[in-house]
C-alpha atoms as a PDB file:
ATOM      1  CA  MET A   1      94.611  -4.307  84.589  1.00  0.00           C
ATOM      2  CA  ASN A   2      97.376  -1.993  84.729  1.00  0.00           C
ATOM      3  CA  SER A   3      99.939  -2.197  87.860  1.00  0.00           C
ATOM      4  CA  THR A   4     103.116  -0.244  88.748  1.00  0.00           C
ATOM      5  CA  ASP A   5     106.303  -1.591  90.104  1.00  0.00           C
ATOM      6  CA  VAL A   6     109.296   0.575  91.356  1.00  0.00           C
ATOM      7  CA  TYR A   7     113.005  -0.236  92.155  1.00  0.00           C
ATOM      8  CA  ARG A   8     114.306   2.150  94.425  1.00  0.00           C
ATOM      9  CA  GLY A   9     118.018   2.574  95.700  1.00  0.00           C
ATOM     10  CA  LEU A  10     119.867   1.146  92.511  1.00  0.00           C
ATOM     11  CA  ASP A  11     122.641   3.623  92.360  1.00  0.00           C
ATOM     12  CA  ALA A  12     124.048   1.860  89.058  1.00  0.00           C
ATOM     13  CA  GLY A  13     126.263   3.325  86.502  1.00  0.00           C
ATOM     14  CA  MET A  14     124.611   3.531  83.323  1.00  0.00           C
ATOM     15  CA  THR A  15     126.096   5.232  79.955  1.00  0.00           C
ATOM     16  CA  LEU A  16     123.680   6.916  77.719  1.00  0.00           C
ATOM     17  CA  ARG A  17     124.059   8.406  74.298  1.00  0.00           C
ATOM     18  CA  GLU A  18     123.888  11.747  73.760  1.00  0.00           C
ATOM     19  CA  PRO A  19     122.816  13.137  69.919  1.00  0.00           C
ATOM     20  CA  SER A  20     126.318  13.817  69.093  1.00  0.00           C
ATOM     21  CA  GLY A  21     127.138  10.296  69.977  1.00  0.00           C
ATOM     22  CA  ALA A  22     129.145  10.902  72.904  1.00  0.00           C
ATOM     23  CA  PRO A  23     129.088   9.073  75.980  1.00  0.00           C
ATOM     24  CA  LEU A  24     127.071  10.454  79.274  1.00  0.00           C
ATOM     25  CA  CYS A  25     127.766   8.567  82.551  1.00  0.00           C
ATOM     26  CA  VAL A  26     124.882   9.013  85.045  1.00  0.00           C
ATOM     27  CA  ARG A  27     123.641   7.087  88.042  1.00  0.00           C
ATOM     28  CA  LEU A  28     120.125   4.959  87.502  1.00  0.00           C
ATOM     29  CA  ARG A  29     118.938   6.017  91.072  1.00  0.00           C
ATOM     30  CA  HIS A  30     115.207   4.766  90.407  1.00  0.00           C
ATOM     31  CA  LEU A  31     113.016   3.069  88.188  1.00  0.00           C
ATOM     32  CA  SER A  32     109.410   2.360  87.461  1.00  0.00           C
ATOM     33  CA  ILE A  33     107.592   0.420  84.881  1.00  0.00           C
ATOM     34  CA  SER A  34     103.522   0.237  84.452  1.00  0.00           C
ATOM     35  CA  GLY A  35     101.777  -2.221  82.360  1.00  0.00           C
ATOM     36  CA  ASP A  36      99.863  -5.238  81.935  1.00  0.00           C
ATOM     37  CA  ASP A  37     100.353  -8.990  81.205  1.00  0.00           C
ATOM     38  CA  SER A  38     101.633  -8.273  77.729  1.00  0.00           C
ATOM     39  CA  LEU A  39     102.948  -4.747  77.303  1.00  0.00           C
ATOM     40  CA  VAL A  40     104.968  -2.311  79.614  1.00  0.00           C
ATOM     41  CA  THR A  41     103.039   1.119  78.878  1.00  0.00           C
ATOM     42  CA  ASP A  42     105.207   3.001  80.559  1.00  0.00           C
ATOM     43  CA  CYS A  43     108.715   3.303  81.826  1.00  0.00           C
ATOM     44  CA  THR A  44     110.256   6.244  84.036  1.00  0.00           C
ATOM     45  CA  ALA A  45     113.705   6.216  85.513  1.00  0.00           C
ATOM     46  CA  THR A  46     115.428   8.377  87.699  1.00  0.00           C
ATOM     47  CA  PHE A  47     118.925   9.606  86.572  1.00  0.00           C
ATOM     48  CA  ARG A  48     121.503  11.411  88.921  1.00  0.00           C
ATOM     49  CA  LEU A  49     124.180  13.757  87.200  1.00  0.00           C
ATOM     50  CA  ASP A  50     127.036  15.556  89.164  1.00  0.00           C
ATOM     51  CA  PRO A  51     126.903  19.185  88.714  1.00  0.00           C
ATOM     52  CA  GLU A  52     129.338  19.623  85.960  1.00  0.00           C
ATOM     53  CA  GLN A  53     127.014  17.077  83.905  1.00  0.00           C
ATOM     54  CA  TYR A  54     123.730  18.708  84.528  1.00  0.00           C
ATOM     55  CA  ARG A  55     125.104  21.787  83.247  1.00  0.00           C
ATOM     56  CA  HIS A  56     126.299  20.284  80.350  1.00  0.00           C
ATOM     57  CA  VAL A  57     122.682  18.810  79.662  1.00  0.00           C
ATOM     58  CA  ASP A  58     120.963  21.656  80.676  1.00  0.00           C
ATOM     59  CA  ASN A  59     122.975  23.821  77.971  1.00  0.00           C
ATOM     60  CA  LEU A  60     122.607  21.170  75.238  1.00  0.00           C
ATOM     61  CA  ALA A  61     118.521  20.786  76.350  1.00  0.00           C
ATOM     62  CA  LEU A  62     119.275  17.015  76.595  1.00  0.00           C
ATOM     63  CA  PHE A  63     116.272  14.891  77.627  1.00  0.00           C
ATOM     64  CA  ASP A  64     113.894  17.713  76.058  1.00  0.00           C
ATOM     65  CA  LEU A  65     114.661  20.194  78.741  1.00  0.00           C
ATOM     66  CA  ASP A  66     113.273  23.071  76.674  1.00  0.00           C
ATOM     67  CA  PRO A  67     113.551  26.209  79.448  1.00  0.00           C
ATOM     68  CA  GLU A  68     110.302  27.539  78.578  1.00  0.00           C
ATOM     69  CA  ARG A  69     108.638  24.598  79.551  1.00  0.00           C
ATOM     70  CA  ARG A  70     109.651  24.587  83.346  1.00  0.00           C
ATOM     71  CA  GLU A  71     107.432  25.067  85.678  1.00  0.00           C
ATOM     72  CA  PRO A  72     108.819  25.241  89.476  1.00  0.00           C
ATOM     73  CA  THR A  73     107.693  22.829  92.307  1.00  0.00           C
ATOM     74  CA  TYR A  74     109.221  22.409  95.660  1.00  0.00           C
ATOM     75  CA  ARG A  75     110.947  25.931  96.036  1.00  0.00           C
ATOM     76  CA  PRO A  76     111.770  28.186  93.052  1.00  0.00           C
ATOM     77  CA  GLU A  77     115.328  28.577  93.881  1.00  0.00           C
ATOM     78  CA  PRO A  78     118.661  28.436  91.492  1.00  0.00           C
ATOM     79  CA  PHE A  79     120.467  24.936  91.782  1.00  0.00           C
ATOM     80  CA  ASP A  80     123.480  24.485  94.167  1.00  0.00           C
ATOM     81  CA  LEU A  81     126.184  24.106  91.869  1.00  0.00           C
ATOM     82  CA  GLY A  82     128.027  21.892  94.220  1.00  0.00           C
ATOM     83  CA  SER A  83     125.471  19.475  94.658  1.00  0.00           C
ATOM     84  CA  ALA A  84     124.275  16.371  92.308  1.00  0.00           C
ATOM     85  CA  VAL A  85     121.005  16.892  90.188  1.00  0.00           C
ATOM     86  CA  ASP A  86     118.266  14.198  89.799  1.00  0.00           C
ATOM     87  CA  ILE A  87     116.603  14.092  86.282  1.00  0.00           C
ATOM     88  CA  GLU A  88     113.437  11.631  86.112  1.00  0.00           C
ATOM     89  CA  ALA A  89     112.641  11.129  82.411  1.00  0.00           C
ATOM     90  CA  SER A  90     110.267   8.457  80.595  1.00  0.00           C
ATOM     91  CA  LEU A  91     111.482   6.216  77.848  1.00  0.00           C
ATOM     92  CA  SER A  92     109.935   6.795  74.410  1.00  0.00           C
ATOM     93  CA  SER A  93     106.445   5.120  73.895  1.00  0.00           C
ATOM     94  CA  ASP A  94     107.842   3.962  70.650  1.00  0.00           C
ATOM     95  CA  LEU A  95     110.252   1.890  72.571  1.00  0.00           C
ATOM     96  CA  LEU A  96     108.216   0.254  75.204  1.00  0.00           C
ATOM     97  CA  ALA A  97     107.671  -2.679  73.082  1.00  0.00           C
ATOM     98  CA  HIS A  98     111.396  -3.716  73.147  1.00  0.00           C
ATOM     99  CA  LEU A  99     111.180  -4.084  77.173  1.00  0.00           C
ATOM    100  CA  PRO A 100     110.757  -7.482  78.664  1.00  0.00           C
ATOM    101  CA  ALA A 101     107.025  -7.772  79.431  1.00  0.00           C
ATOM    102  CA  GLY A 102     104.746 -10.487  80.634  1.00  0.00           C
ATOM    103  CA  HIS A 103     104.648 -10.038  84.632  1.00  0.00           C
ATOM    104  CA  ALA A 104     108.434  -8.362  84.434  1.00  0.00           C
ATOM    105  CA  SER A 105     109.420  -6.401  87.642  1.00  0.00           C
ATOM    106  CA  ALA A 106     111.198  -3.091  87.646  1.00  0.00           C
ATOM    107  CA  ARG A 107     114.239  -4.990  88.673  1.00  0.00           C
ATOM    108  CA  VAL A 108     114.224  -7.286  85.629  1.00  0.00           C
ATOM    109  CA  VAL A 109     113.759  -4.256  83.294  1.00  0.00           C
ATOM    110  CA  ALA A 110     116.493  -2.216  84.992  1.00  0.00           C
ATOM    111  CA  ASN A 111     119.089  -5.084  84.856  1.00  0.00           C
ATOM    112  CA  PHE A 112     117.916  -5.150  80.865  1.00  0.00           C
ATOM    113  CA  LEU A 113     118.709  -1.292  80.234  1.00  0.00           C
ATOM    114  CA  LEU A 114     121.914  -1.866  82.306  1.00  0.00           C
ATOM    115  CA  GLY A 115     123.117  -4.714  79.979  1.00  0.00           C
ATOM    116  CA  LEU A 116     122.246  -3.018  76.866  1.00  0.00           C
ATOM    117  CA  SER A 117     125.020  -2.171  74.157  1.00  0.00           C
ATOM    118  CA  PRO A 118     126.082   1.460  73.900  1.00  0.00           C
ATOM    119  CA  ASP A 119     124.335   1.812  70.380  1.00  0.00           C
ATOM    120  CA  SER A 120     121.032   0.784  71.741  1.00  0.00           C
ATOM    121  CA  PRO A 121     117.894   3.294  70.800  1.00  0.00           C
ATOM    122  CA  GLU A 122     117.100   2.682  74.633  1.00  0.00           C
ATOM    123  CA  LEU A 123     120.555   4.375  75.792  1.00  0.00           C
ATOM    124  CA  ALA A 124     119.911   7.493  73.466  1.00  0.00           C
ATOM    125  CA  THR A 125     119.212  10.787  75.393  1.00  0.00           C
ATOM    126  CA  VAL A 126     116.611  11.490  72.832  1.00  0.00           C
ATOM    127  CA  ASN A 127     114.448   8.921  73.496  1.00  0.00           C
ATOM    128  CA  TRP A 128     114.173   9.589  77.000  1.00  0.00           C
ATOM    129  CA  GLN A 129     111.750  12.843  77.902  1.00  0.00           C
ATOM    130  CA  ALA A 130     112.247  14.651  81.084  1.00  0.00           C
ATOM    131  CA  VAL A 131     109.322  14.702  83.518  1.00  0.00           C
ATOM    132  CA  SER A 132     111.224  16.440  86.420  1.00  0.00           C
ATOM    133  CA  VAL A 133     114.532  17.753  87.652  1.00  0.00           C
ATOM    134  CA  SER A 134     115.247  18.211  91.381  1.00  0.00           C
ATOM    135  CA  GLN A 135     118.250  18.370  93.477  1.00  0.00           C
ATOM    136  CA  GLU A 136     118.218  17.754  97.394  1.00  0.00           C
ATOM    137  CA  VAL A 137     120.204  19.922  99.731  1.00  0.00           C
ATOM    138  CA  ASN A 138     120.774  20.061 103.609  1.00  0.00           C
ATOM    139  CA  GLY A 139     117.362  17.543 103.458  1.00  0.00           C
ATOM    140  CA  ARG A 140     114.973  19.865 101.376  1.00  0.00           C
ATOM    141  CA  ARG A 141     114.278  19.628  97.815  1.00  0.00           C
ATOM    142  CA  ASN A 142     114.518  22.227  94.915  1.00  0.00           C
ATOM    143  CA  GLY A 143     113.600  21.709  91.531  1.00  0.00           C
ATOM    144  CA  TYR A 144     110.801  21.948  88.312  1.00  0.00           C
ATOM    145  CA  ARG A 145     108.930  19.791  86.269  1.00  0.00           C
ATOM    146  CA  MET A 146     108.143  20.076  82.551  1.00  0.00           C
ATOM    147  CA  ALA A 147     104.927  20.832  80.894  1.00  0.00           C
ATOM    148  CA  HIS A 148     105.186  19.305  77.465  1.00  0.00           C
ATOM    149  CA  GLY A 149     103.015  16.666  75.773  1.00  0.00           C
ATOM    150  CA  GLY A 150     103.254  13.333  77.286  1.00  0.00           C
ATOM    151  CA  THR A 151     104.102  14.690  80.841  1.00  0.00           C
ATOM    152  CA  SER A 152     103.580  12.482  83.518  1.00  0.00           C
ATOM    153  CA  LEU A 153     100.007  13.734  84.049  1.00  0.00           C
ATOM    154  CA  GLN A 154      99.099  12.295  81.106  1.00  0.00           C
ATOM    155  CA  GLN A 155     100.783   8.991  81.680  1.00  0.00           C
ATOM    156  CA  MET A 156      99.105   9.107  84.991  1.00  0.00           C
ATOM    157  CA  LEU A 157      95.561   9.730  83.728  1.00  0.00           C
ATOM    158  CA  ALA A 158      96.230   6.963  80.994  1.00  0.00           C
ATOM    159  CA  GLN A 159      97.013   4.416  83.600  1.00  0.00           C
ATOM    160  CA  ALA A 160      93.718   5.541  85.541  1.00  0.00           C
ATOM    161  CA  GLN A 161      92.056   5.247  81.562  1.00  0.00           C
ATOM    162  CA  ALA A 162      92.728   1.502  82.171  1.00  0.00           C
ATOM    163  CA  LEU A 163      91.388   1.181  85.467  1.00  0.00           C
ATOM    164  CA  VAL A 164      87.786   2.766  83.790  1.00  0.00           C
ATOM    165  CA  GLY A 165      87.995   0.747  80.839  1.00  0.00           C
ATOM    166  CA  GLU A 166      88.839   3.726  78.049  1.00  0.00           C
ATOM    167  CA  VAL A 167      91.530   2.235  75.987  1.00  0.00           C
ATOM    168  CA  GLU A 168      91.197   3.102  72.093  1.00  0.00           C
ATOM    169  CA  VAL A 169      91.023   6.874  72.438  1.00  0.00           C
ATOM    170  CA  ASP A 170      94.075   9.217  71.672  1.00  0.00           C
ATOM    171  CA  ALA A 171      95.698  11.224  74.487  1.00  0.00           C
ATOM    172  CA  ALA A 172      93.900  14.398  74.839  1.00  0.00           C
ATOM    173  CA  GLU A 173      90.450  12.128  75.028  1.00  0.00           C
ATOM    174  CA  ALA A 174      91.795   9.946  77.044  1.00  0.00           C
ATOM    175  CA  ILE A 175      92.640  12.669  79.311  1.00  0.00           C
ATOM    176  CA  LYS A 176      89.052  14.164  79.093  1.00  0.00           C
ATOM    177  CA  ARG A 177      87.494  10.782  79.494  1.00  0.00           C
ATOM    178  CA  VAL A 178      89.284   9.960  82.831  1.00  0.00           C
ATOM    179  CA  GLU A 179      88.457  13.835  84.067  1.00  0.00           C
ATOM    180  CA  GLN A 180      84.888  12.819  83.427  1.00  0.00           C
ATOM    181  CA  SER A 181      84.951   9.220  84.743  1.00  0.00           C
ATOM    182  CA  VAL A 182      87.625   9.944  87.797  1.00  0.00           C
ATOM    183  CA  PRO A 183      87.156  13.437  88.273  1.00  0.00           C
ATOM    184  CA  VAL A 184      88.035  13.335  91.986  1.00  0.00           C
ATOM    185  CA  PHE A 185      91.131  11.077  91.440  1.00  0.00           C
ATOM    186  CA  ALA A 186      91.983  13.692  88.660  1.00  0.00           C
ATOM    187  CA  SER A 187      91.906  16.420  90.885  1.00  0.00           C
ATOM    188  CA  VAL A 188      93.820  14.751  93.327  1.00  0.00           C
ATOM    189  CA  TYR A 189      96.897  13.567  91.243  1.00  0.00           C
ATOM    190  CA  GLN A 190      96.741  17.147  89.586  1.00  0.00           C
ATOM    191  CA  PHE A 191      97.231  18.464  93.294  1.00  0.00           C
ATOM    192  CA  LEU A 192     100.085  16.318  94.192  1.00  0.00           C
ATOM    193  CA  LEU A 193     101.725  17.026  91.042  1.00  0.00           C
ATOM    194  CA  ALA A 194     101.609  20.601  91.527  1.00  0.00           C
ATOM    195  CA  GLU A 195     102.882  20.649  95.007  1.00  0.00           C
ATOM    196  CA  GLY A 196     105.816  18.332  93.655  1.00  0.00           C
ATOM    197  CA  TRP A 197     104.954  15.206  95.223  1.00  0.00           C
ATOM    198  CA  ASP A 198     106.490  11.734  93.713  1.00  0.00           C
ATOM    199  CA  ASN A 199     103.362   9.559  92.718  1.00  0.00           C
ATOM    200  CA  VAL A 200     103.339   6.174  91.680  1.00  0.00           C
ATOM    201  CA  LEU A 201      99.764   4.656  90.730  1.00  0.00           C
ATOM    202  CA  VAL A 202      99.118   1.427  92.114  1.00  0.00           C
ATOM    203  CA  ASP A 203      96.045  -0.744  92.290  1.00  0.00           C
ATOM    204  CA  ASP A 204      94.186  -3.421  94.040  1.00  0.00           C
ATOM    205  CA  GLU A 205      91.546  -6.027  94.310  1.00  0.00           C
ATOM    206  CA  ASP A 206      88.316  -4.077  94.191  1.00  0.00           C
ATOM    207  CA  GLU A 207      89.909  -1.691  91.496  1.00  0.00           C
ATOM    208  CA  GLN A 208      90.168   1.666  93.312  1.00  0.00           C
ATOM    209  CA  PRO A 209      92.673   3.931  91.753  1.00  0.00           C
ATOM    210  CA  LYS A 210      95.447   4.797  94.594  1.00  0.00           C
ATOM    211  CA  LEU A 211      98.564   6.758  94.464  1.00  0.00           C
ATOM    212  CA  ARG A 212     101.527   5.747  96.706  1.00  0.00           C
ATOM    213  CA  MET A 213     104.095   8.337  97.729  1.00  0.00           C
ATOM    214  CA  ARG A 214     106.899   9.247 100.086  1.00  0.00           C
ATOM    215  CA  TYR A 215     107.068  12.274 102.839  1.00  0.00           C
ATOM    216  CA  ARG A 216     109.698  13.527 104.375  1.00  0.00           C
ATOM    217  CA  GLY A 217     109.197  15.030 107.772  1.00  0.00           C
ATOM    218  CA  GLN A 218     111.439  16.580 110.648  1.00  0.00           C
ATOM    219  CA  HIS A 219     111.200  13.554 112.400  1.00  0.00           C
ATOM    220  CA  GLY A 220     111.356  10.416 109.945  1.00  0.00           C
ATOM    221  CA  GLU A 221     110.153   9.403 106.541  1.00  0.00           C
ATOM    222  CA  TRP A 222     107.033   7.288 105.585  1.00  0.00           C
ATOM    223  CA  ASP A 223     104.874   5.929 103.094  1.00  0.00           C
ATOM    224  CA  CYS A 224     101.649   8.022 102.036  1.00  0.00           C
ATOM    225  CA  LEU A 225      98.423   6.479 100.306  1.00  0.00           C
ATOM    226  CA  ALA A 226      95.748   8.360  98.569  1.00  0.00           C
ATOM    227  CA  VAL A 227      92.455   6.347  97.877  1.00  0.00           C
ATOM    228  CA  VAL A 228      89.768   7.671  95.720  1.00  0.00           C
ATOM    229  CA  ARG A 229      86.442   6.433  96.003  1.00  0.00           C
ATOM    230  CA  GLU A 230      84.730   7.674  92.953  1.00  0.00           C
ATOM    231  CA  GLU A 231      81.345   5.990  93.231  1.00  0.00           C
ATOM    232  CA  THR A 232      80.943   7.619  96.748  1.00  0.00           C
ATOM    233  CA  ALA A 233      82.787  11.019  95.905  1.00  0.00           C
ATOM    234  CA  GLN A 234      85.097  10.433  98.722  1.00  0.00           C
ATOM    235  CA  PHE A 235      89.169  10.700  99.245  1.00  0.00           C
ATOM    236  CA  VAL A 236      90.959   9.185 101.859  1.00  0.00           C
ATOM    237  CA  PHE A 237      94.381  10.246 102.500  1.00  0.00           C
ATOM    238  CA  TYR A 238      97.001   7.631 104.990  1.00  0.00           C
ATOM    239  CA  SER A 239     100.191   8.189 106.397  1.00  0.00           C
ATOM    240  CA  LEU A 240     101.716   4.837 107.175  1.00  0.00           C
ATOM    241  CA  CYS A 241     103.774   4.467 109.916  1.00  0.00           C
ATOM    242  CA  PRO A 242     107.715   3.819 109.000  1.00  0.00           C
ATOM    243  CA  VAL A 243     108.153   1.316 112.059  1.00  0.00           C
ATOM    244  CA  HIS A 244     106.094  -1.786 113.062  1.00  0.00           C
ATOM    245  CA  VAL A 245     104.408  -2.483 116.312  1.00  0.00           C
ATOM    246  CA  LEU A 246     105.747  -5.646 117.921  1.00  0.00           C
ATOM    247  CA  GLU A 247     103.231  -7.637 119.678  1.00  0.00           C
ATOM    248  CA  ALA A 248     104.496  -7.256 123.277  1.00  0.00           C
ATOM    249  CA  LYS A 249     103.898  -3.167 122.504  1.00  0.00           C
ATOM    250  CA  ARG A 250     100.502  -3.575 121.000  1.00  0.00           C
ATOM    251  CA  GLN A 251      98.809  -2.654 124.225  1.00  0.00           C
ATOM    252  CA  ALA A 252     100.724   0.394 125.061  1.00  0.00           C
ATOM    253  CA  MET A 253     100.173   1.390 121.531  1.00  0.00           C
ATOM    254  CA  VAL A 254      96.242   1.367 121.556  1.00  0.00           C
ATOM    255  CA  GLU A 255      96.423   3.611 124.834  1.00  0.00           C
ATOM    256  CA  PHE A 256      98.930   5.728 122.881  1.00  0.00           C
ATOM    257  CA  VAL A 257      96.578   6.390 119.775  1.00  0.00           C
ATOM    258  CA  THR A 258      93.484   6.523 121.661  1.00  0.00           C
ATOM    259  CA  ARG A 259      95.401   9.481 123.953  1.00  0.00           C
ATOM    260  CA  ALA A 260      96.338  10.878 120.815  1.00  0.00           C
ATOM    261  CA  ASN A 261      92.747  10.862 119.107  1.00  0.00           C
ATOM    262  CA  HIS A 262      91.211  12.799 122.145  1.00  0.00           C
ATOM    263  CA  ASP A 263      90.308  16.125 121.212  1.00  0.00           C
ATOM    264  CA  MET A 264      91.776  15.692 117.365  1.00  0.00           C
ATOM    265  CA  VAL A 265      89.823  17.806 115.438  1.00  0.00           C
ATOM    266  CA  ILE A 266      90.657  16.916 111.866  1.00  0.00           C
ATOM    267  CA  GLY A 267      91.814  12.837 111.265  1.00  0.00           C
ATOM    268  CA  ASN A 268      92.600  10.080 113.711  1.00  0.00           C
ATOM    269  CA  PHE A 269      95.143   7.604 114.153  1.00  0.00           C
ATOM    270  CA  GLU A 270      94.426   4.061 113.655  1.00  0.00           C
ATOM    271  CA  PHE A 271      96.056   0.876 114.765  1.00  0.00           C
ATOM    272  CA  HIS A 272      94.286  -2.497 115.001  1.00  0.00           C
ATOM    273  CA  CYS A 273      94.483  -4.535 118.140  1.00  0.00           C
ATOM    274  CA  ASP A 274      95.686  -7.204 116.062  1.00  0.00           C
ATOM    275  CA  GLY A 275      97.662  -5.598 113.475  1.00  0.00           C
ATOM    276  CA  ASP A 276     101.527  -4.228 113.556  1.00  0.00           C
ATOM    277  CA  ARG A 277     100.912  -1.034 111.806  1.00  0.00           C
ATOM    278  CA  VAL A 278      99.896   2.726 112.964  1.00  0.00           C
ATOM    279  CA  ARG A 279      98.256   5.278 110.040  1.00  0.00           C
ATOM    280  CA  PHE A 280      96.700   8.402 110.567  1.00  0.00           C
ATOM    281  CA  LYS A 281      93.644   9.038 108.366  1.00  0.00           C
ATOM    282  CA  THR A 282      92.204  12.195 106.866  1.00  0.00           C
ATOM    283  CA  SER A 283      89.297  12.352 104.395  1.00  0.00           C
ATOM    284  CA  ILE A 284      86.772  14.297 103.106  1.00  0.00           C
ATOM    285  CA  ASP A 285      83.335  13.563 100.876  1.00  0.00           C
ATOM    286  CA  VAL A 286      82.985  15.781  97.759  1.00  0.00           C
ATOM    287  CA  GLU A 287      79.589  14.392  96.459  1.00  0.00           C
ATOM    288  CA  GLY A 288      77.727  17.414  95.022  1.00  0.00           C
ATOM    289  CA  THR A 289      80.731  19.551  94.447  1.00  0.00           C
ATOM    290  CA  LYS A 290      83.685  19.860  92.919  1.00  0.00           C
ATOM    291  CA  ALA A 291      87.462  18.171  94.498  1.00  0.00           C
ATOM    292  CA  THR A 292      88.789  21.816  94.720  1.00  0.00           C
ATOM    293  CA  GLN A 293      92.857  22.068  95.433  1.00  0.00           C
ATOM    294  CA  ALA A 294      91.123  24.508  98.584  1.00  0.00           C
ATOM    295  CA  LEU A 295      89.317  21.148 100.031  1.00  0.00           C
ATOM    296  CA  ILE A 296      92.169  18.703  99.065  1.00  0.00           C
ATOM    297  CA  ARG A 297      95.035  20.509 100.545  1.00  0.00           C
ATOM    298  CA  PRO A 298      93.808  20.418 104.285  1.00  0.00           C
ATOM    299  CA  VAL A 299      93.053  17.003 104.010  1.00  0.00           C
ATOM    300  CA  ILE A 300      96.776  16.421 102.973  1.00  0.00           C
ATOM    301  CA  HIS A 301      98.720  18.973 104.873  1.00  0.00           C
ATOM    302  CA  THR A 302      97.153  18.298 108.020  1.00  0.00           C
ATOM    303  CA  ASN A 303      97.669  14.623 107.872  1.00  0.00           C
ATOM    304  CA  VAL A 304     101.495  14.419 106.928  1.00  0.00           C
ATOM    305  CA  LEU A 305     101.854  17.072 109.735  1.00  0.00           C
ATOM    306  CA  MET A 306     100.239  15.014 112.490  1.00  0.00           C
ATOM    307  CA  MET A 307     102.074  12.182 111.466  1.00  0.00           C
ATOM    308  CA  ASP A 308     105.141  14.232 112.181  1.00  0.00           C
ATOM    309  CA  GLN A 309     104.383  15.664 115.039  1.00  0.00           C
ATOM    310  CA  TYR A 310     103.737  12.465 116.876  1.00  0.00           C
ATOM    311  CA  LEU A 311     106.041  10.385 115.117  1.00  0.00           C
ATOM    312  CA  PRO A 312     108.632  10.776 118.003  1.00  0.00           C
ATOM    313  CA  GLY A 313     105.797   9.701 120.689  1.00  0.00           C
ATOM    314  CA  ILE A 314     105.345   6.158 118.658  1.00  0.00           C
ATOM    315  CA  MET A 315     108.984   5.654 118.665  1.00  0.00           C
ATOM    316  CA  ALA A 316     109.486   6.535 122.639  1.00  0.00           C
ATOM    317  CA  VAL A 317     106.612   3.984 123.411  1.00  0.00           C
ATOM    318  CA  LEU A 318     108.117   1.288 120.831  1.00  0.00           C
ATOM    319  CA  TYR A 319     111.980   1.877 121.496  1.00  0.00           C
ATOM    320  CA  ALA A 320     112.657   3.708 124.708  1.00  0.00           C
ATOM    321  CA  ASP A 321     109.614   2.005 127.166  1.00  0.00           C
ATOM    322  CA  LYS A 322     107.708   5.424 127.750  1.00  0.00           C
ATOM    323  CA  PRO A 323     104.247   5.211 129.325  1.00  0.00           C
ATOM    324  CA  PRO A 324     101.988   6.252 126.574  1.00  0.00           C
ATOM    325  CA  ALA A 325     100.808   9.252 128.672  1.00  0.00           C
ATOM    326  CA  GLU A 326     104.561  10.591 129.115  1.00  0.00           C
ATOM    327  CA  ALA A 327     104.608   9.663 125.355  1.00  0.00           C
ATOM    328  CA  ILE A 328     101.803  12.237 124.506  1.00  0.00           C
ATOM    329  CA  ALA A 329     102.973  14.860 126.706  1.00  0.00           C
ATOM    330  CA  LEU A 330     106.223  14.773 124.688  1.00  0.00           C
ATOM    331  CA  VAL A 331     104.954  15.561 121.834  1.00  0.00           C
ATOM    332  CA  GLU A 332     101.997  17.937 122.633  1.00  0.00           C
ATOM    333  CA  GLY A 333     103.759  19.800 125.312  1.00  0.00           C
ATOM    334  CA  ALA A 334     107.304  19.650 124.116  1.00  0.00           C
ATOM    335  CA  PRO A 335     108.174  23.053 122.125  1.00  0.00           C
ATOM    336  CA  ASP A 336     110.627  20.270 119.747  1.00  0.00           C
ATOM    337  CA  GLY A 337     107.453  18.437 119.185  1.00  0.00           C
ATOM    338  CA  ALA A 338     105.716  21.076 117.157  1.00  0.00           C
ATOM    339  CA  PRO A 339     105.214  19.686 113.747  1.00  0.00           C
ATOM    340  CA  SER A 340     107.124  21.537 110.939  1.00  0.00           C
ATOM    341  CA  THR A 341     105.451  24.268 108.985  1.00  0.00           C
ATOM    342  CA  THR A 342     107.147  23.183 105.535  1.00  0.00           C
ATOM    343  CA  LEU A 343     106.286  20.503 103.389  1.00  0.00           C
ATOM    344  CA  PRO A 344     109.534  18.896 102.462  1.00  0.00           C
ATOM    345  CA  VAL A 345     108.276  16.016 100.015  1.00  0.00           C
ATOM    346  CA  VAL A 346     110.144  13.681  98.522  1.00  0.00           C
END
């Protein structure tokens, strides 16, 4: 079965090679790999460039940055010429067999790439195809995705393909079969892609496809999990609270969650009495209909906005010894407890 591993926050210097042979010195920020026991099937890196480097890359259309195939995500605004730019790119499938396999982690593959000699084909920009380009300014992201063959959508669906047992088919047929086999998953992924979310496909013991991603709100940053149950045509979305609940605070958190859920119209907070993690859940059943963007949007948007609104209250209970009733009043009554009206996804 395919699995995905992500190595974040490297910030390691890496020298790539332009078609002219000139060096391009970038920062390797993140690396994700997907594969099985014998082979890496996808390797995607995030390279950070300074503004001058990005202008150079943009002018030469390195990483296959064809201007005709750019689709805006986040906010369709010009880049700030004074801030760094991140390019997410995937290594050519022809070179994946060169990478360490056999349960190799993203960290191992990252170290392998960083240790290559300058003339290695894995360091040539022509062998890295851009998936997305983005920039963060004042806590918000702007950027675009590339709409070319071999996009991350095809890669993601190819991974989903493995989950449903479709292997020996070409890319177009793979996508078609996956959309037929896991239509809810395909719809959810395409919605997230269109909104600029950074997605990582993971699997679990019951073989249900999942998407894990990060969200940044006004009051914090946390992991989100999209779970699709194709057999029942159900989609469940979770925001996972970024802080853990100590045993001494569990009873207070039970009360906080109970109060928060009262009169909640869409979704609910969950906290197991013997656990240490709060999460917010929204879900939808689309049996007999299509999982359209109009149905998916409120499941995701409401979810992250509710976690963002109530996160200060959770923090107040855990770290400021606020009684649950006062913490609820803090987030439900105070103007600064209102959720953000934008979706600054990272």
